[in-house]
Amino acid sequence: MQTVELLVKLKIPDVTALTAAGALRRRMGFEGVLTSLARADYYRLEVAVDTPEEALALARDLAENTNVFVNPNKHVYEVRTGTQAAAQDGSGRRAAVLVTDPLDGSAQGALSALQGRLGYGGRVSGLLKGVLWTLELACENDAEARRLAEEIAVTRSREQGLLLNPHFQECEIR
């Protein structure tokens, strides 16, 4: 069993991420801290293959040959194994916030379609769906980046947090 991540982004500028970044900088006090903000649809797949290379190949096949994850007219995608980390470019610290909704049944519907009518059977055994926000932050260390990412992400009031509502969503900060 292998775990593979599929990230799906828009080919055009993501106005949701741009609007959120503007609000965080101008209205919520992160002007000198938040360097960039990006958003991607996130899928974590549990696949019944032996090697990470086979897992990556299966995820690419799912992205390119089904209409479940990617619309090639408007999306680009990236696949990576669960052990691969996003590269730091040296201009700051990067943190990622994965937002999931445990009551959203769309992941189960997609998994059912993959296992049934699309013919992937037992090769895909699990699917987690969410939104992955990637924050580039001007800070000193990884611990500070994680703290800032949580402060930016988790809504606590009108003035605190923006990317998830802790009353019905869950998050994983990396």
N, C-alpha and C. Protein backbone atom coordinates (compact mmCIF):
# COMPACT_ATOMS: atom_id res chain seq x y z
N MET A 1 0.84 -1.18 0.00
CA MET A 1 0.00 0.00 0.00
C MET A 1 0.89 1.24 0.00
N GLN A 2 0.57 2.18 -0.86
CA GLN A 2 1.32 3.43 -0.98
C GLN A 2 0.36 4.61 -0.85
N THR A 3 0.89 5.73 -0.41
CA THR A 3 0.13 6.97 -0.35
C THR A 3 0.69 7.93 -1.39
N VAL A 4 -0.20 8.56 -2.15
CA VAL A 4 0.22 9.52 -3.15
C VAL A 4 -0.70 10.73 -3.05
N GLU A 5 -0.13 11.92 -3.28
CA GLU A 5 -0.90 13.16 -3.23
C GLU A 5 -1.06 13.70 -4.64
N LEU A 6 -2.25 14.18 -4.93
CA LEU A 6 -2.56 14.82 -6.21
C LEU A 6 -3.00 16.24 -5.91
N LEU A 7 -2.26 17.22 -6.44
CA LEU A 7 -2.59 18.63 -6.26
C LEU A 7 -3.09 19.17 -7.59
N VAL A 8 -4.24 19.82 -7.58
CA VAL A 8 -4.85 20.34 -8.79
C VAL A 8 -5.01 21.85 -8.63
N LYS A 9 -4.39 22.60 -9.57
CA LYS A 9 -4.42 24.06 -9.52
C LYS A 9 -5.01 24.61 -10.80
N LEU A 10 -5.49 25.83 -10.74
CA LEU A 10 -6.00 26.50 -11.92
C LEU A 10 -4.85 26.96 -12.82
N LYS A 11 -5.08 26.94 -14.13
CA LYS A 11 -4.09 27.46 -15.08
C LYS A 11 -4.05 28.98 -15.04
N ILE A 12 -5.19 29.59 -14.77
CA ILE A 12 -5.29 31.05 -14.71
C ILE A 12 -5.07 31.51 -13.28
N PRO A 13 -4.86 32.79 -13.05
CA PRO A 13 -4.70 33.27 -11.67
C PRO A 13 -5.91 32.90 -10.81
N ASP A 14 -5.64 32.44 -9.61
CA ASP A 14 -6.67 32.00 -8.68
C ASP A 14 -7.18 33.21 -7.90
N VAL A 15 -8.34 33.72 -8.29
CA VAL A 15 -8.87 34.93 -7.65
C VAL A 15 -9.24 34.70 -6.20
N THR A 16 -9.59 33.47 -5.83
CA THR A 16 -9.89 33.18 -4.42
C THR A 16 -8.64 33.36 -3.57
N ALA A 17 -7.52 32.82 -4.03
CA ALA A 17 -6.27 32.97 -3.28
C ALA A 17 -5.80 34.43 -3.29
N LEU A 18 -5.95 35.11 -4.42
CA LEU A 18 -5.55 36.52 -4.49
C LEU A 18 -6.38 37.38 -3.54
N THR A 19 -7.68 37.13 -3.49
CA THR A 19 -8.56 37.89 -2.60
C THR A 19 -8.23 37.61 -1.14
N ALA A 20 -8.01 36.33 -0.81
CA ALA A 20 -7.66 35.98 0.56
C ALA A 20 -6.33 36.62 0.96
N ALA A 21 -5.35 36.58 0.07
CA ALA A 21 -4.05 37.20 0.37
C ALA A 21 -4.21 38.70 0.59
N GLY A 22 -5.00 39.36 -0.24
CA GLY A 22 -5.24 40.80 -0.07
C GLY A 22 -5.90 41.11 1.26
N ALA A 23 -6.90 40.33 1.64
CA ALA A 23 -7.58 40.55 2.93
C ALA A 23 -6.62 40.30 4.09
N LEU A 24 -5.83 39.26 4.00
CA LEU A 24 -4.89 38.98 5.08
C LEU A 24 -3.85 40.08 5.23
N ARG A 25 -3.38 40.61 4.12
CA ARG A 25 -2.36 41.66 4.19
C ARG A 25 -2.95 43.00 4.62
N ARG A 26 -4.01 43.42 3.96
CA ARG A 26 -4.53 44.78 4.19
C ARG A 26 -5.45 44.90 5.41
N ARG A 27 -6.24 43.90 5.65
CA ARG A 27 -7.25 44.01 6.71
C ARG A 27 -6.90 43.28 8.00
N MET A 28 -5.99 42.30 7.90
CA MET A 28 -5.73 41.48 9.07
C MET A 28 -4.31 41.58 9.59
N GLY A 29 -3.52 42.51 9.05
CA GLY A 29 -2.23 42.83 9.62
C GLY A 29 -1.05 41.95 9.23
N PHE A 30 -1.13 41.22 8.12
CA PHE A 30 -0.02 40.37 7.72
C PHE A 30 0.75 40.93 6.53
N GLU A 31 0.74 42.24 6.38
CA GLU A 31 1.38 42.91 5.25
C GLU A 31 2.85 42.55 5.10
N GLY A 32 3.62 42.60 6.14
CA GLY A 32 5.05 42.32 6.03
C GLY A 32 5.40 40.86 6.27
N VAL A 33 4.41 40.04 6.53
CA VAL A 33 4.64 38.65 6.91
C VAL A 33 4.29 37.67 5.80
N LEU A 34 3.14 37.86 5.18
CA LEU A 34 2.66 36.93 4.15
C LEU A 34 3.23 37.35 2.79
N THR A 35 4.19 36.58 2.30
CA THR A 35 4.83 36.87 1.02
C THR A 35 3.97 36.40 -0.15
N SER A 36 3.42 35.18 -0.03
CA SER A 36 2.53 34.67 -1.07
C SER A 36 1.58 33.65 -0.48
N LEU A 37 0.47 33.46 -1.19
CA LEU A 37 -0.56 32.51 -0.78
C LEU A 37 -1.06 31.81 -2.04
N ALA A 38 -1.06 30.49 -2.01
CA ALA A 38 -1.54 29.70 -3.16
C ALA A 38 -2.53 28.66 -2.65
N ARG A 39 -3.41 28.24 -3.55
CA ARG A 39 -4.45 27.27 -3.19
C ARG A 39 -4.48 26.17 -4.24
N ALA A 40 -4.72 24.94 -3.77
CA ALA A 40 -4.86 23.81 -4.68
C ALA A 40 -5.90 22.85 -4.12
N ASP A 41 -6.65 22.21 -5.01
CA ASP A 41 -7.49 21.10 -4.59
C ASP A 41 -6.54 19.96 -4.28
N TYR A 42 -6.79 19.28 -3.18
CA TYR A 42 -5.86 18.28 -2.67
C TYR A 42 -6.57 16.93 -2.58
N TYR A 43 -5.89 15.89 -3.06
CA TYR A 43 -6.40 14.53 -2.95
C TYR A 43 -5.28 13.64 -2.45
N ARG A 44 -5.54 12.93 -1.36
CA ARG A 44 -4.58 11.94 -0.83
C ARG A 44 -5.18 10.57 -1.13
N LEU A 45 -4.47 9.83 -1.97
CA LEU A 45 -4.95 8.53 -2.42
C LEU A 45 -4.15 7.41 -1.76
N GLU A 46 -4.87 6.40 -1.28
CA GLU A 46 -4.25 5.16 -0.82
C GLU A 46 -4.38 4.19 -1.97
N VAL A 47 -3.26 3.73 -2.51
CA VAL A 47 -3.27 2.88 -3.69
C VAL A 47 -2.55 1.56 -3.39
N ALA A 48 -3.09 0.49 -3.96
CA ALA A 48 -2.56 -0.85 -3.74
C ALA A 48 -1.52 -1.17 -4.81
N VAL A 49 -0.34 -0.60 -4.64
CA VAL A 49 0.80 -0.87 -5.51
C VAL A 49 2.02 -1.08 -4.61
N ASP A 50 3.11 -1.57 -5.20
CA ASP A 50 4.27 -1.94 -4.39
C ASP A 50 5.28 -0.82 -4.18
N THR A 51 5.43 0.08 -5.15
CA THR A 51 6.51 1.07 -5.07
C THR A 51 5.95 2.49 -5.22
N PRO A 52 6.70 3.47 -4.73
CA PRO A 52 6.29 4.86 -4.93
C PRO A 52 6.18 5.23 -6.41
N GLU A 53 7.04 4.68 -7.23
CA GLU A 53 6.99 4.98 -8.67
C GLU A 53 5.69 4.50 -9.28
N GLU A 54 5.23 3.29 -8.89
CA GLU A 54 3.95 2.77 -9.37
C GLU A 54 2.78 3.64 -8.87
N ALA A 55 2.90 4.12 -7.64
CA ALA A 55 1.87 4.99 -7.08
C ALA A 55 1.77 6.29 -7.87
N LEU A 56 2.92 6.88 -8.21
CA LEU A 56 2.94 8.11 -9.00
C LEU A 56 2.35 7.87 -10.39
N ALA A 57 2.69 6.74 -10.99
CA ALA A 57 2.16 6.42 -12.32
C ALA A 57 0.64 6.23 -12.28
N LEU A 58 0.13 5.56 -11.25
CA LEU A 58 -1.31 5.37 -11.12
C LEU A 58 -2.01 6.71 -10.91
N ALA A 59 -1.44 7.59 -10.08
CA ALA A 59 -2.04 8.90 -9.84
C ALA A 59 -2.07 9.73 -11.12
N ARG A 60 -1.00 9.67 -11.91
CA ARG A 60 -0.99 10.38 -13.20
C ARG A 60 -2.08 9.83 -14.12
N ASP A 61 -2.24 8.51 -14.13
CA ASP A 61 -3.28 7.87 -14.94
C ASP A 61 -4.66 8.36 -14.49
N LEU A 62 -4.89 8.42 -13.20
CA LEU A 62 -6.18 8.91 -12.67
C LEU A 62 -6.42 10.36 -13.08
N ALA A 63 -5.38 11.18 -13.01
CA ALA A 63 -5.51 12.60 -13.35
C ALA A 63 -5.78 12.80 -14.84
N GLU A 64 -5.10 12.02 -15.67
CA GLU A 64 -5.18 12.24 -17.12
C GLU A 64 -6.30 11.48 -17.81
N ASN A 65 -6.72 10.36 -17.26
CA ASN A 65 -7.65 9.49 -17.98
C ASN A 65 -9.02 9.35 -17.33
N THR A 66 -9.27 10.12 -16.30
CA THR A 66 -10.62 10.18 -15.72
C THR A 66 -11.00 11.66 -15.64
N ASN A 67 -12.27 11.91 -15.47
CA ASN A 67 -12.71 13.30 -15.29
C ASN A 67 -13.02 13.59 -13.83
N VAL A 68 -12.50 12.78 -12.93
CA VAL A 68 -12.79 12.91 -11.51
C VAL A 68 -12.02 14.06 -10.87
N PHE A 69 -10.78 14.27 -11.27
CA PHE A 69 -9.91 15.22 -10.58
C PHE A 69 -9.53 16.45 -11.40
N VAL A 70 -9.24 16.26 -12.67
CA VAL A 70 -8.64 17.32 -13.48
C VAL A 70 -9.46 17.57 -14.74
N ASN A 71 -9.73 18.85 -15.00
CA ASN A 71 -10.26 19.27 -16.29
C ASN A 71 -9.07 19.88 -17.03
N PRO A 72 -8.57 19.21 -18.07
CA PRO A 72 -7.34 19.69 -18.72
C PRO A 72 -7.47 21.07 -19.36
N ASN A 73 -8.70 21.54 -19.57
CA ASN A 73 -8.90 22.87 -20.14
C ASN A 73 -8.61 23.98 -19.14
N LYS A 74 -8.73 23.67 -17.84
CA LYS A 74 -8.54 24.74 -16.87
C LYS A 74 -7.59 24.40 -15.71
N HIS A 75 -7.12 23.15 -15.63
CA HIS A 75 -6.28 22.76 -14.50
C HIS A 75 -4.91 22.28 -14.94
N VAL A 76 -3.97 22.41 -14.03
CA VAL A 76 -2.69 21.72 -14.09
C VAL A 76 -2.63 20.89 -12.81
N TYR A 77 -1.83 19.84 -12.85
CA TYR A 77 -1.76 18.99 -11.66
C TYR A 77 -0.32 18.61 -11.37
N GLU A 78 -0.13 18.18 -10.14
CA GLU A 78 1.16 17.68 -9.67
C GLU A 78 0.88 16.45 -8.84
N VAL A 79 1.67 15.42 -9.01
CA VAL A 79 1.57 14.24 -8.14
C VAL A 79 2.87 14.10 -7.37
N ARG A 80 2.74 13.65 -6.14
CA ARG A 80 3.93 13.41 -5.33
C ARG A 80 3.60 12.33 -4.30
N THR A 81 4.62 11.64 -3.88
CA THR A 81 4.42 10.63 -2.86
C THR A 81 4.29 11.34 -1.52
N GLY A 82 3.76 10.66 -0.55
CA GLY A 82 3.58 11.25 0.78
C GLY A 82 4.88 11.64 1.44
N THR A 83 6.02 11.10 0.95
CA THR A 83 7.30 11.41 1.56
C THR A 83 7.97 12.62 0.94
N GLN A 84 7.49 13.06 -0.22
CA GLN A 84 8.09 14.22 -0.87
C GLN A 84 7.58 15.50 -0.21
N ALA A 85 8.45 16.44 0.01
CA ALA A 85 8.07 17.72 0.59
C ALA A 85 8.26 18.81 -0.45
N ALA A 86 7.48 19.84 -0.32
CA ALA A 86 7.64 20.99 -1.23
C ALA A 86 8.98 21.65 -0.95
N ALA A 87 9.66 22.04 -2.00
CA ALA A 87 10.99 22.63 -1.87
C ALA A 87 10.91 24.07 -1.37
N GLN A 88 11.84 24.43 -0.52
CA GLN A 88 11.98 25.80 -0.07
C GLN A 88 12.87 26.52 -1.07
N ASP A 89 12.53 27.75 -1.41
CA ASP A 89 13.36 28.46 -2.37
C ASP A 89 14.31 29.46 -1.71
N GLY A 90 14.34 29.51 -0.40
CA GLY A 90 15.28 30.36 0.28
C GLY A 90 14.78 31.77 0.57
N SER A 91 13.65 32.18 0.01
CA SER A 91 13.17 33.55 0.21
C SER A 91 12.34 33.69 1.47
N GLY A 92 12.09 32.63 2.18
CA GLY A 92 11.30 32.68 3.39
C GLY A 92 10.98 31.28 3.84
N ARG A 93 10.03 31.17 4.73
CA ARG A 93 9.61 29.87 5.23
C ARG A 93 8.27 29.54 4.61
N ARG A 94 8.12 28.28 4.26
CA ARG A 94 6.87 27.83 3.66
C ARG A 94 6.12 26.97 4.67
N ALA A 95 4.83 27.18 4.74
CA ALA A 95 3.95 26.35 5.56
C ALA A 95 2.75 25.99 4.70
N ALA A 96 2.20 24.83 4.96
CA ALA A 96 1.02 24.39 4.23
C ALA A 96 -0.08 24.08 5.22
N VAL A 97 -1.30 24.46 4.84
CA VAL A 97 -2.47 24.19 5.67
C VAL A 97 -3.45 23.38 4.83
N LEU A 98 -3.68 22.14 5.24
CA LEU A 98 -4.65 21.29 4.57
C LEU A 98 -5.97 21.41 5.30
N VAL A 99 -7.00 21.89 4.59
CA VAL A 99 -8.33 22.07 5.16
C VAL A 99 -9.23 20.98 4.62
N THR A 100 -9.85 20.22 5.53
CA THR A 100 -10.78 19.17 5.13
C THR A 100 -12.11 19.34 5.85
N ASP A 101 -13.15 18.81 5.25
CA ASP A 101 -14.48 18.82 5.83
C ASP A 101 -14.90 17.37 6.03
N PRO A 102 -14.91 16.88 7.27
CA PRO A 102 -15.22 15.47 7.50
C PRO A 102 -16.64 15.06 7.09
N LEU A 103 -17.53 16.01 6.95
CA LEU A 103 -18.91 15.70 6.56
C LEU A 103 -19.14 15.78 5.06
N ASP A 104 -18.13 16.19 4.29
CA ASP A 104 -18.24 16.28 2.84
C ASP A 104 -18.13 14.88 2.26
N GLY A 105 -19.16 14.42 1.62
CA GLY A 105 -19.19 13.08 1.07
C GLY A 105 -18.64 12.96 -0.34
N SER A 106 -18.13 14.04 -0.90
CA SER A 106 -17.68 13.98 -2.30
C SER A 106 -16.47 13.06 -2.49
N ALA A 107 -15.61 12.93 -1.49
CA ALA A 107 -14.47 12.02 -1.61
C ALA A 107 -14.97 10.58 -1.70
N GLN A 108 -15.96 10.24 -0.91
CA GLN A 108 -16.51 8.89 -0.96
C GLN A 108 -17.19 8.63 -2.30
N GLY A 109 -17.86 9.62 -2.84
CA GLY A 109 -18.47 9.48 -4.16
C GLY A 109 -17.44 9.28 -5.25
N ALA A 110 -16.35 10.02 -5.19
CA ALA A 110 -15.28 9.87 -6.18
C ALA A 110 -14.62 8.50 -6.04
N LEU A 111 -14.39 8.06 -4.82
CA LEU A 111 -13.78 6.75 -4.59
C LEU A 111 -14.69 5.64 -5.13
N SER A 112 -15.98 5.78 -4.90
CA SER A 112 -16.94 4.80 -5.41
C SER A 112 -16.91 4.75 -6.93
N ALA A 113 -16.83 5.90 -7.58
CA ALA A 113 -16.77 5.95 -9.04
C ALA A 113 -15.48 5.31 -9.55
N LEU A 114 -14.37 5.58 -8.89
CA LEU A 114 -13.10 5.00 -9.30
C LEU A 114 -13.13 3.47 -9.17
N GLN A 115 -13.65 2.99 -8.05
CA GLN A 115 -13.68 1.55 -7.81
C GLN A 115 -14.72 0.84 -8.66
N GLY A 116 -15.78 1.54 -9.03
CA GLY A 116 -16.86 0.92 -9.78
C GLY A 116 -16.79 1.17 -11.26
N ARG A 117 -17.51 2.16 -11.71
CA ARG A 117 -17.70 2.38 -13.15
C ARG A 117 -16.42 2.72 -13.91
N LEU A 118 -15.39 3.25 -13.23
CA LEU A 118 -14.16 3.61 -13.92
C LEU A 118 -13.14 2.47 -13.96
N GLY A 119 -13.43 1.38 -13.26
CA GLY A 119 -12.63 0.17 -13.39
C GLY A 119 -11.32 0.09 -12.64
N TYR A 120 -11.11 0.92 -11.63
CA TYR A 120 -9.87 0.85 -10.88
C TYR A 120 -9.95 -0.12 -9.71
N GLY A 121 -11.14 -0.66 -9.45
CA GLY A 121 -11.34 -1.71 -8.45
C GLY A 121 -10.60 -1.48 -7.16
N GLY A 122 -9.87 -2.48 -6.73
CA GLY A 122 -9.14 -2.41 -5.47
C GLY A 122 -7.82 -1.68 -5.55
N ARG A 123 -7.46 -1.17 -6.72
CA ARG A 123 -6.18 -0.45 -6.83
C ARG A 123 -6.20 0.88 -6.08
N VAL A 124 -7.39 1.47 -5.92
CA VAL A 124 -7.54 2.70 -5.12
C VAL A 124 -8.42 2.34 -3.94
N SER A 125 -7.83 2.35 -2.73
CA SER A 125 -8.58 1.90 -1.56
C SER A 125 -9.02 3.02 -0.63
N GLY A 126 -8.45 4.21 -0.78
CA GLY A 126 -8.83 5.32 0.09
C GLY A 126 -8.61 6.65 -0.59
N LEU A 127 -9.42 7.64 -0.20
CA LEU A 127 -9.33 8.97 -0.79
C LEU A 127 -9.70 10.02 0.25
N LEU A 128 -8.83 10.97 0.45
CA LEU A 128 -9.10 12.14 1.29
C LEU A 128 -9.07 13.36 0.38
N LYS A 129 -10.08 14.21 0.52
CA LYS A 129 -10.18 15.42 -0.31
C LYS A 129 -10.13 16.65 0.58
N GLY A 130 -9.46 17.69 0.09
CA GLY A 130 -9.40 18.93 0.84
C GLY A 130 -8.88 20.06 -0.02
N VAL A 131 -8.57 21.16 0.64
CA VAL A 131 -7.95 22.31 -0.01
C VAL A 131 -6.62 22.54 0.68
N LEU A 132 -5.56 22.63 -0.12
CA LEU A 132 -4.23 22.86 0.43
C LEU A 132 -3.84 24.31 0.16
N TRP A 133 -3.68 25.06 1.24
CA TRP A 133 -3.20 26.44 1.16
C TRP A 133 -1.71 26.42 1.43
N THR A 134 -0.92 27.03 0.57
CA THR A 134 0.52 27.12 0.76
C THR A 134 0.88 28.57 1.01
N LEU A 135 1.50 28.81 2.16
CA LEU A 135 1.84 30.16 2.58
C LEU A 135 3.35 30.33 2.57
N GLU A 136 3.82 31.37 1.95
CA GLU A 136 5.23 31.76 2.01
C GLU A 136 5.28 32.91 3.02
N LEU A 137 6.08 32.72 4.06
CA LEU A 137 6.08 33.65 5.19
C LEU A 137 7.48 34.20 5.45
N ALA A 138 7.54 35.48 5.78
CA ALA A 138 8.80 36.11 6.15
C ALA A 138 8.96 35.94 7.66
N CYS A 139 9.67 34.89 8.05
CA CYS A 139 9.89 34.64 9.47
C CYS A 139 11.21 33.90 9.64
N GLU A 140 11.61 33.70 10.89
CA GLU A 140 12.94 33.20 11.19
C GLU A 140 13.11 31.68 11.12
N ASN A 141 12.07 30.92 11.51
CA ASN A 141 12.26 29.46 11.59
C ASN A 141 10.96 28.74 11.29
N ASP A 142 11.06 27.42 11.19
CA ASP A 142 9.90 26.61 10.86
C ASP A 142 8.82 26.65 11.94
N ALA A 143 9.22 26.70 13.20
CA ALA A 143 8.24 26.76 14.29
C ALA A 143 7.42 28.05 14.20
N GLU A 144 8.09 29.15 13.92
CA GLU A 144 7.39 30.43 13.75
C GLU A 144 6.47 30.40 12.53
N ALA A 145 6.90 29.74 11.46
CA ALA A 145 6.07 29.61 10.26
C ALA A 145 4.80 28.82 10.56
N ARG A 146 4.92 27.75 11.32
CA ARG A 146 3.74 26.95 11.69
C ARG A 146 2.79 27.76 12.58
N ARG A 147 3.34 28.52 13.52
CA ARG A 147 2.51 29.34 14.40
C ARG A 147 1.76 30.40 13.60
N LEU A 148 2.46 31.06 12.69
CA LEU A 148 1.83 32.08 11.85
C LEU A 148 0.78 31.45 10.92
N ALA A 149 1.08 30.29 10.38
CA ALA A 149 0.13 29.62 9.49
C ALA A 149 -1.16 29.31 10.24
N GLU A 150 -1.05 28.85 11.47
CA GLU A 150 -2.25 28.56 12.25
C GLU A 150 -3.02 29.85 12.56
N GLU A 151 -2.30 30.91 12.88
CA GLU A 151 -2.93 32.19 13.17
C GLU A 151 -3.66 32.73 11.93
N ILE A 152 -3.05 32.59 10.78
CA ILE A 152 -3.65 33.06 9.53
C ILE A 152 -4.84 32.20 9.14
N ALA A 153 -4.74 30.90 9.35
CA ALA A 153 -5.74 29.96 8.83
C ALA A 153 -6.99 29.84 9.68
N VAL A 154 -6.84 29.59 10.95
CA VAL A 154 -7.98 29.20 11.80
C VAL A 154 -8.77 30.44 12.22
N THR A 155 -10.02 30.49 11.79
CA THR A 155 -10.90 31.61 12.12
C THR A 155 -11.30 31.54 13.59
N ARG A 156 -10.99 32.61 14.31
CA ARG A 156 -11.36 32.70 15.73
C ARG A 156 -12.32 33.87 15.97
N SER A 157 -12.25 34.86 15.09
CA SER A 157 -13.15 36.02 15.16
C SER A 157 -13.10 36.71 13.80
N ARG A 158 -13.79 37.85 13.68
CA ARG A 158 -13.76 38.60 12.41
C ARG A 158 -12.36 39.11 12.08
N GLU A 159 -11.55 39.31 13.10
CA GLU A 159 -10.21 39.85 12.91
C GLU A 159 -9.11 38.80 12.95
N GLN A 160 -9.44 37.56 13.27
CA GLN A 160 -8.43 36.52 13.44
C GLN A 160 -8.76 35.30 12.59
N GLY A 161 -7.85 34.93 11.68
CA GLY A 161 -7.99 33.73 10.88
C GLY A 161 -8.95 33.90 9.72
N LEU A 162 -8.68 33.16 8.62
CA LEU A 162 -9.50 33.36 7.43
C LEU A 162 -9.75 32.09 6.62
N LEU A 163 -8.89 31.11 6.66
CA LEU A 163 -8.92 30.03 5.69
C LEU A 163 -9.78 28.83 6.07
N LEU A 164 -10.15 28.70 7.35
CA LEU A 164 -11.01 27.59 7.73
C LEU A 164 -11.85 27.94 8.94
N ASN A 165 -13.01 27.31 9.00
CA ASN A 165 -13.93 27.48 10.12
C ASN A 165 -13.79 26.25 11.01
N PRO A 166 -13.25 26.40 12.21
CA PRO A 166 -13.00 25.24 13.07
C PRO A 166 -14.26 24.56 13.59
N HIS A 167 -15.42 25.17 13.37
CA HIS A 167 -16.67 24.55 13.83
C HIS A 167 -17.10 23.38 12.97
N PHE A 168 -16.68 23.35 11.70
CA PHE A 168 -17.04 22.22 10.87
C PHE A 168 -15.92 21.71 9.99
N GLN A 169 -14.79 22.38 9.99
CA GLN A 169 -13.65 21.94 9.19
C GLN A 169 -12.49 21.54 10.10
N GLU A 170 -11.61 20.74 9.55
CA GLU A 170 -10.40 20.32 10.26
C GLU A 170 -9.19 20.78 9.46
N CYS A 171 -8.06 20.91 10.16
CA CYS A 171 -6.86 21.31 9.43
C CYS A 171 -5.65 20.52 9.90
N GLU A 172 -4.70 20.45 9.01
CA GLU A 172 -3.42 19.82 9.26
C GLU A 172 -2.38 20.84 8.80
N ILE A 173 -1.53 21.28 9.71
CA ILE A 173 -0.54 22.29 9.37
C ILE A 173 0.81 21.62 9.23
N ARG A 174 1.46 21.88 8.12
CA ARG A 174 2.77 21.25 7.83
C ARG A 174 3.83 22.32 7.71
